[in-house]
C-alpha atoms as a PDB file:
ATOM      1  CA  MET A   1       2.963  -8.244 -33.347  1.00  0.00           C
ATOM      2  CA  GLU A   2       0.901  -6.367 -30.693  1.00  0.00           C
ATOM      3  CA  ASN A   3       2.930  -4.929 -27.756  1.00  0.00           C
ATOM      4  CA  SER A   4       0.708  -5.274 -24.534  1.00  0.00           C
ATOM      5  CA  LEU A   5       1.823  -4.034 -21.353  1.00  0.00           C
ATOM      6  CA  ILE A   6       0.500  -5.515 -17.925  1.00  0.00           C
ATOM      7  CA  GLU A   7      -0.939  -2.872 -15.732  1.00  0.00           C
ATOM      8  CA  SER A   8       1.231  -2.392 -12.533  1.00  0.00           C
ATOM      9  CA  THR A   9      -1.588  -3.578 -10.362  1.00  0.00           C
ATOM     10  CA  THR A  10      -2.297  -6.966 -12.173  1.00  0.00           C
ATOM     11  CA  PRO A  11      -1.419  -9.883 -10.175  1.00  0.00           C
ATOM     12  CA  VAL A  12       0.940 -12.136 -12.403  1.00  0.00           C
ATOM     13  CA  TYR A  13       3.888 -13.303 -10.252  1.00  0.00           C
ATOM     14  CA  THR A  14       4.125 -16.174  -7.663  1.00  0.00           C
ATOM     15  CA  LEU A  15       5.705 -15.941  -4.617  1.00  0.00           C
ATOM     16  CA  SER A  16       8.971 -17.779  -5.649  1.00  0.00           C
ATOM     17  CA  THR A  17       9.183 -15.212  -8.900  1.00  0.00           C
ATOM     18  CA  THR A  18       8.466 -12.194  -6.737  1.00  0.00           C
ATOM     19  CA  SER A  19      10.940 -13.345  -4.402  1.00  0.00           C
ATOM     20  CA  THR A  20      13.481 -13.664  -7.194  1.00  0.00           C
ATOM     21  CA  LEU A  21      12.492 -10.469  -8.810  1.00  0.00           C
ATOM     22  CA  SER A  22      12.586  -8.380  -5.349  1.00  0.00           C
ATOM     23  CA  GLY A  23      15.720 -10.039  -4.258  1.00  0.00           C
ATOM     24  CA  ILE A  24      13.912 -10.747  -0.767  1.00  0.00           C
ATOM     25  CA  PRO A  25      13.503 -14.237   0.591  1.00  0.00           C
ATOM     26  CA  VAL A  26       9.944 -16.102   0.464  1.00  0.00           C
ATOM     27  CA  HIS A  27       9.806 -16.322   4.074  1.00  0.00           C
ATOM     28  CA  SER A  28      10.133 -12.554   4.559  1.00  0.00           C
ATOM     29  CA  ILE A  29       7.395 -11.729   1.905  1.00  0.00           C
ATOM     30  CA  ARG A  30       5.356 -14.106   3.892  1.00  0.00           C
ATOM     31  CA  GLN A  31       6.045 -12.190   7.383  1.00  0.00           C
ATOM     32  CA  TYR A  32       5.141  -9.055   5.177  1.00  0.00           C
ATOM     33  CA  ILE A  33       1.766 -10.415   4.130  1.00  0.00           C
ATOM     34  CA  ASP A  34       1.191 -11.892   7.750  1.00  0.00           C
ATOM     35  CA  ASN A  35       1.601  -8.701   9.200  1.00  0.00           C
ATOM     36  CA  GLY A  36      -0.438  -6.745   6.818  1.00  0.00           C
ATOM     37  CA  LEU A  37       2.182  -4.731   5.076  1.00  0.00           C
ATOM     38  CA  ILE A  38       1.323  -6.100   1.549  1.00  0.00           C
ATOM     39  CA  ILE A  39      -1.989  -7.349   0.242  1.00  0.00           C
ATOM     40  CA  PRO A  40      -1.318 -10.232  -2.258  1.00  0.00           C
ATOM     41  CA  PHE A  41      -4.103 -11.442  -4.724  1.00  0.00           C
ATOM     42  CA  LYS A  42      -5.367 -14.712  -3.400  1.00  0.00           C
ATOM     43  CA  LYS A  43      -6.391 -17.050  -6.105  1.00  0.00           C
ATOM     44  CA  GLU A  44      -9.081 -19.821  -5.727  1.00  0.00           C
ATOM     45  CA  SER A  45      -6.404 -22.279  -4.957  1.00  0.00           C
ATOM     46  CA  ASN A  46      -5.533 -19.981  -1.924  1.00  0.00           C
ATOM     47  CA  ARG A  47      -1.874 -19.338  -3.622  1.00  0.00           C
ATOM     48  CA  ASN A  48      -0.890 -15.594  -3.738  1.00  0.00           C
ATOM     49  CA  LEU A  49      -0.005 -13.587  -6.790  1.00  0.00           C
ATOM     50  CA  PHE A  50       2.055 -10.338  -6.646  1.00  0.00           C
ATOM     51  CA  SER A  51       1.899  -7.318  -8.986  1.00  0.00           C
ATOM     52  CA  GLN A  52       4.485  -4.914  -9.940  1.00  0.00           C
ATOM     53  CA  VAL A  53       3.163  -2.591  -7.092  1.00  0.00           C
ATOM     54  CA  ASP A  54       3.449  -5.386  -4.804  1.00  0.00           C
ATOM     55  CA  ILE A  55       7.075  -5.816  -5.839  1.00  0.00           C
ATOM     56  CA  LEU A  56       7.997  -2.247  -5.118  1.00  0.00           C
ATOM     57  CA  ARG A  57       6.308  -2.286  -1.796  1.00  0.00           C
ATOM     58  CA  ILE A  58       8.325  -5.397  -0.782  1.00  0.00           C
ATOM     59  CA  LYS A  59      11.820  -3.650  -1.726  1.00  0.00           C
ATOM     60  CA  TYR A  60      10.261  -0.552   0.228  1.00  0.00           C
ATOM     61  CA  ILE A  61       9.540  -2.558   3.253  1.00  0.00           C
ATOM     62  CA  ASN A  62      12.855  -4.309   3.071  1.00  0.00           C
ATOM     63  CA  ASN A  63      14.491  -1.025   3.154  1.00  0.00           C
ATOM     64  CA  LEU A  64      12.647   0.360   6.077  1.00  0.00           C
ATOM     65  CA  LEU A  65      13.370  -3.022   8.066  1.00  0.00           C
ATOM     66  CA  ASN A  66      17.235  -3.345   6.949  1.00  0.00           C
ATOM     67  CA  VAL A  67      18.215   0.109   6.258  1.00  0.00           C
ATOM     68  CA  ASP A  68      16.127   2.540   8.559  1.00  0.00           C
ATOM     69  CA  GLY A  69      16.104  -0.095  11.353  1.00  0.00           C
ATOM     70  CA  LEU A  70      12.227  -0.289  11.628  1.00  0.00           C
ATOM     71  CA  ASN A  71      10.291  -3.337  12.787  1.00  0.00           C
ATOM     72  CA  THR A  72       7.363  -4.453  11.283  1.00  0.00           C
ATOM     73  CA  ALA A  73       5.138  -2.856  14.149  1.00  0.00           C
ATOM     74  CA  GLY A  74       6.871   0.356  13.185  1.00  0.00           C
ATOM     75  CA  ILE A  75       6.323  -0.084   9.469  1.00  0.00           C
ATOM     76  CA  ARG A  76       2.405  -0.667  10.489  1.00  0.00           C
ATOM     77  CA  LYS A  77       2.314   2.578  12.499  1.00  0.00           C
ATOM     78  CA  LEU A  78       4.097   4.458   9.610  1.00  0.00           C
ATOM     79  CA  LEU A  79       1.688   3.267   7.004  1.00  0.00           C
ATOM     80  CA  ALA A  80      -1.363   3.820   9.296  1.00  0.00           C
ATOM     81  CA  LEU A  81      -0.308   7.600   9.304  1.00  0.00           C
ATOM     82  CA  ILE A  82      -0.739   7.995   5.625  1.00  0.00           C
ATOM     83  CA  PRO A  83      -3.739  10.533   5.232  1.00  0.00           C
ATOM     84  CA  CYS A  84      -5.637   8.309   3.154  1.00  0.00           C
ATOM     85  CA  TRP A  85      -8.819  10.457   3.519  1.00  0.00           C
ATOM     86  CA  VAL A  86      -6.798  13.462   2.025  1.00  0.00           C
ATOM     87  CA  ILE A  87      -5.802  11.463  -0.903  1.00  0.00           C
ATOM     88  CA  ARG A  88      -9.193   9.774  -1.488  1.00  0.00           C
ATOM     89  CA  GLU A  89     -10.785  13.231  -0.932  1.00  0.00           C
ATOM     90  CA  CYS A  90     -13.410  11.743   1.516  1.00  0.00           C
ATOM     91  CA  THR A  91     -16.213  14.159   2.986  1.00  0.00           C
ATOM     92  CA  ALA A  92     -16.257  14.867   6.514  1.00  0.00           C
ATOM     93  CA  GLY A  93     -19.315  12.725   6.679  1.00  0.00           C
ATOM     94  CA  GLU A  94     -17.467   9.665   5.459  1.00  0.00           C
ATOM     95  CA  ARG A  95     -14.406  10.305   7.814  1.00  0.00           C
ATOM     96  CA  GLU A  96     -16.900  10.390  10.861  1.00  0.00           C
ATOM     97  CA  THR A  97     -17.343   6.491  10.423  1.00  0.00           C
ATOM     98  CA  CYS A  98     -13.954   5.524   8.975  1.00  0.00           C
ATOM     99  CA  GLN A  99     -11.516   3.787  11.119  1.00  0.00           C
ATOM    100  CA  ALA A 100      -8.674   4.638   8.927  1.00  0.00           C
ATOM    101  CA  TYR A 101      -9.462   8.400  10.087  1.00  0.00           C
ATOM    102  CA  LEU A 102     -10.487   7.763  13.389  1.00  0.00           C
ATOM    103  CA  SER A 103      -7.542   5.417  14.436  1.00  0.00           C
ATOM    104  CA  ASP A 104      -3.946   5.207  13.765  1.00  0.00           C
ATOM    105  CA  ALA A 105      -3.670   1.535  14.701  1.00  0.00           C
ATOM    106  CA  ASN A 106      -3.697  -0.109  11.233  1.00  0.00           C
ATOM    107  CA  PRO A 107      -3.331   0.903   7.646  1.00  0.00           C
ATOM    108  CA  CYS A 108      -6.369   2.143   5.935  1.00  0.00           C
ATOM    109  CA  TRP A 109      -6.396  -1.286   3.975  1.00  0.00           C
ATOM    110  CA  GLU A 110      -7.181  -3.160   7.187  1.00  0.00           C
ATOM    111  CA  ALA A 111      -9.674  -0.732   8.798  1.00  0.00           C
ATOM    112  CA  SER A 112     -12.732  -2.566  10.188  1.00  0.00           C
ATOM    113  CA  GLU A 113     -15.155   0.408   8.953  1.00  0.00           C
ATOM    114  CA  LYS A 114     -14.637   2.393   5.874  1.00  0.00           C
ATOM    115  CA  GLY A 115     -16.009   5.365   4.388  1.00  0.00           C
ATOM    116  CA  THR A 116     -18.585   4.801   1.368  1.00  0.00           C
ATOM    117  CA  LEU A 117     -15.676   5.859  -0.835  1.00  0.00           C
ATOM    118  CA  CYS A 118     -13.720   2.959   0.007  1.00  0.00           C
ATOM    119  CA  LYS A 119     -16.137   0.266   0.824  1.00  0.00           C
ATOM    120  CA  ASN A 120     -16.328  -0.655  -2.715  1.00  0.00           C
ATOM    121  CA  THR A 121     -12.699  -0.145  -3.768  1.00  0.00           C
ATOM    122  CA  ASN A 122     -10.174  -2.827  -4.538  1.00  0.00           C
ATOM    123  CA  CYS A 123      -7.430  -1.714  -1.920  1.00  0.00           C
ATOM    124  CA  ARG A 124      -4.781  -3.284  -4.081  1.00  0.00           C
ATOM    125  CA  GLU A 125      -5.436  -0.593  -6.836  1.00  0.00           C
ATOM    126  CA  CYS A 126      -6.138   2.291  -4.516  1.00  0.00           C
ATOM    127  CA  GLU A 127      -3.869   5.454  -4.903  1.00  0.00           C
ATOM    128  CA  VAL A 128      -2.877   4.840  -1.219  1.00  0.00           C
ATOM    129  CA  TYR A 129      -1.603   1.571  -1.522  1.00  0.00           C
ATOM    130  CA  ARG A 130       0.100   2.609  -5.052  1.00  0.00           C
ATOM    131  CA  ILE A 131       2.047   5.210  -3.372  1.00  0.00           C
ATOM    132  CA  VAL A 132       5.273   3.393  -3.984  1.00  0.00           C
ATOM    133  CA  GLU A 133       4.793   3.678  -7.574  1.00  0.00           C
ATOM    134  CA  ASN A 134       5.626   7.344  -7.576  1.00  0.00           C
ATOM    135  CA  TYR A 135       7.518   8.228  -4.212  1.00  0.00           C
ATOM    136  CA  PRO A 136      10.520   6.633  -3.266  1.00  0.00           C
ATOM    137  CA  ASP A 137       9.685   7.116   0.418  1.00  0.00           C
ATOM    138  CA  LEU A 138       6.758   8.483   2.705  1.00  0.00           C
ATOM    139  CA  LYS A 139       8.424  11.559   3.187  1.00  0.00           C
ATOM    140  CA  SER A 140       8.639  12.674  -0.424  1.00  0.00           C
ATOM    141  CA  PHE A 141       5.227  11.824  -0.752  1.00  0.00           C
ATOM    142  CA  LEU A 142       4.047  13.794   2.386  1.00  0.00           C
ATOM    143  CA  LYS A 143       6.233  16.688   1.105  1.00  0.00           C
ATOM    144  CA  THR A 144       4.216  16.800  -2.096  1.00  0.00           C
ATOM    145  CA  LEU A 145       0.972  16.209  -0.579  1.00  0.00           C
ATOM    146  CA  ILE A 146       1.584  19.232   1.691  1.00  0.00           C
ATOM    147  CA  LEU A 147       2.852  21.509  -0.961  1.00  0.00           C
ATOM    148  CA  GLN A 148      -0.053  20.605  -3.146  1.00  0.00           C
ATOM    149  CA  ASN A 149      -2.300  21.347  -0.183  1.00  0.00           C
ATOM    150  CA  VAL A 150      -0.590  24.961   0.568  1.00  0.00           C
ATOM    151  CA  SER A 151      -1.095  25.715  -3.273  1.00  0.00           C
ATOM    152  CA  GLY A 152      -4.674  24.511  -3.395  1.00  0.00           C
ATOM    153  CA  ASN A 153      -3.844  21.854  -6.015  1.00  0.00           C
ATOM    154  CA  ILE A 154      -4.870  19.033  -3.986  1.00  0.00           C
ATOM    155  CA  ARG A 155      -6.071  16.117  -6.545  1.00  0.00           C
END
């Protein structure tokens, strides 16, 4: 029998299953979607599907809300401060027109104007959206990024 693994960004879970797996109520997950904190996959039937990465993000967001005491506006601002242009290695020219670089109003996946590198990228699969896979919190990610920058080993 062949062992097939599902890619962590593959949307396979319904809202109900995602709620069960994450331990977060359905209504809370809907609020996270409405506030632009997660990007579910939308089927043609308009139903949302979620991936393993989405479940990790949902748990992370819930922790920021219930343990760290942030509200959704604070979480949006925090996510908007992620230096996506460094992670994606955007050129100076790309940054000149990219709202994710020019503004801290929204997370990069909600930027109205994106650089050419990101225009044709599915944000659900982008390394910026997937940070939660490798880092338990934003600070540990930023520490790693800064240390890589200092030693000249940026990806």
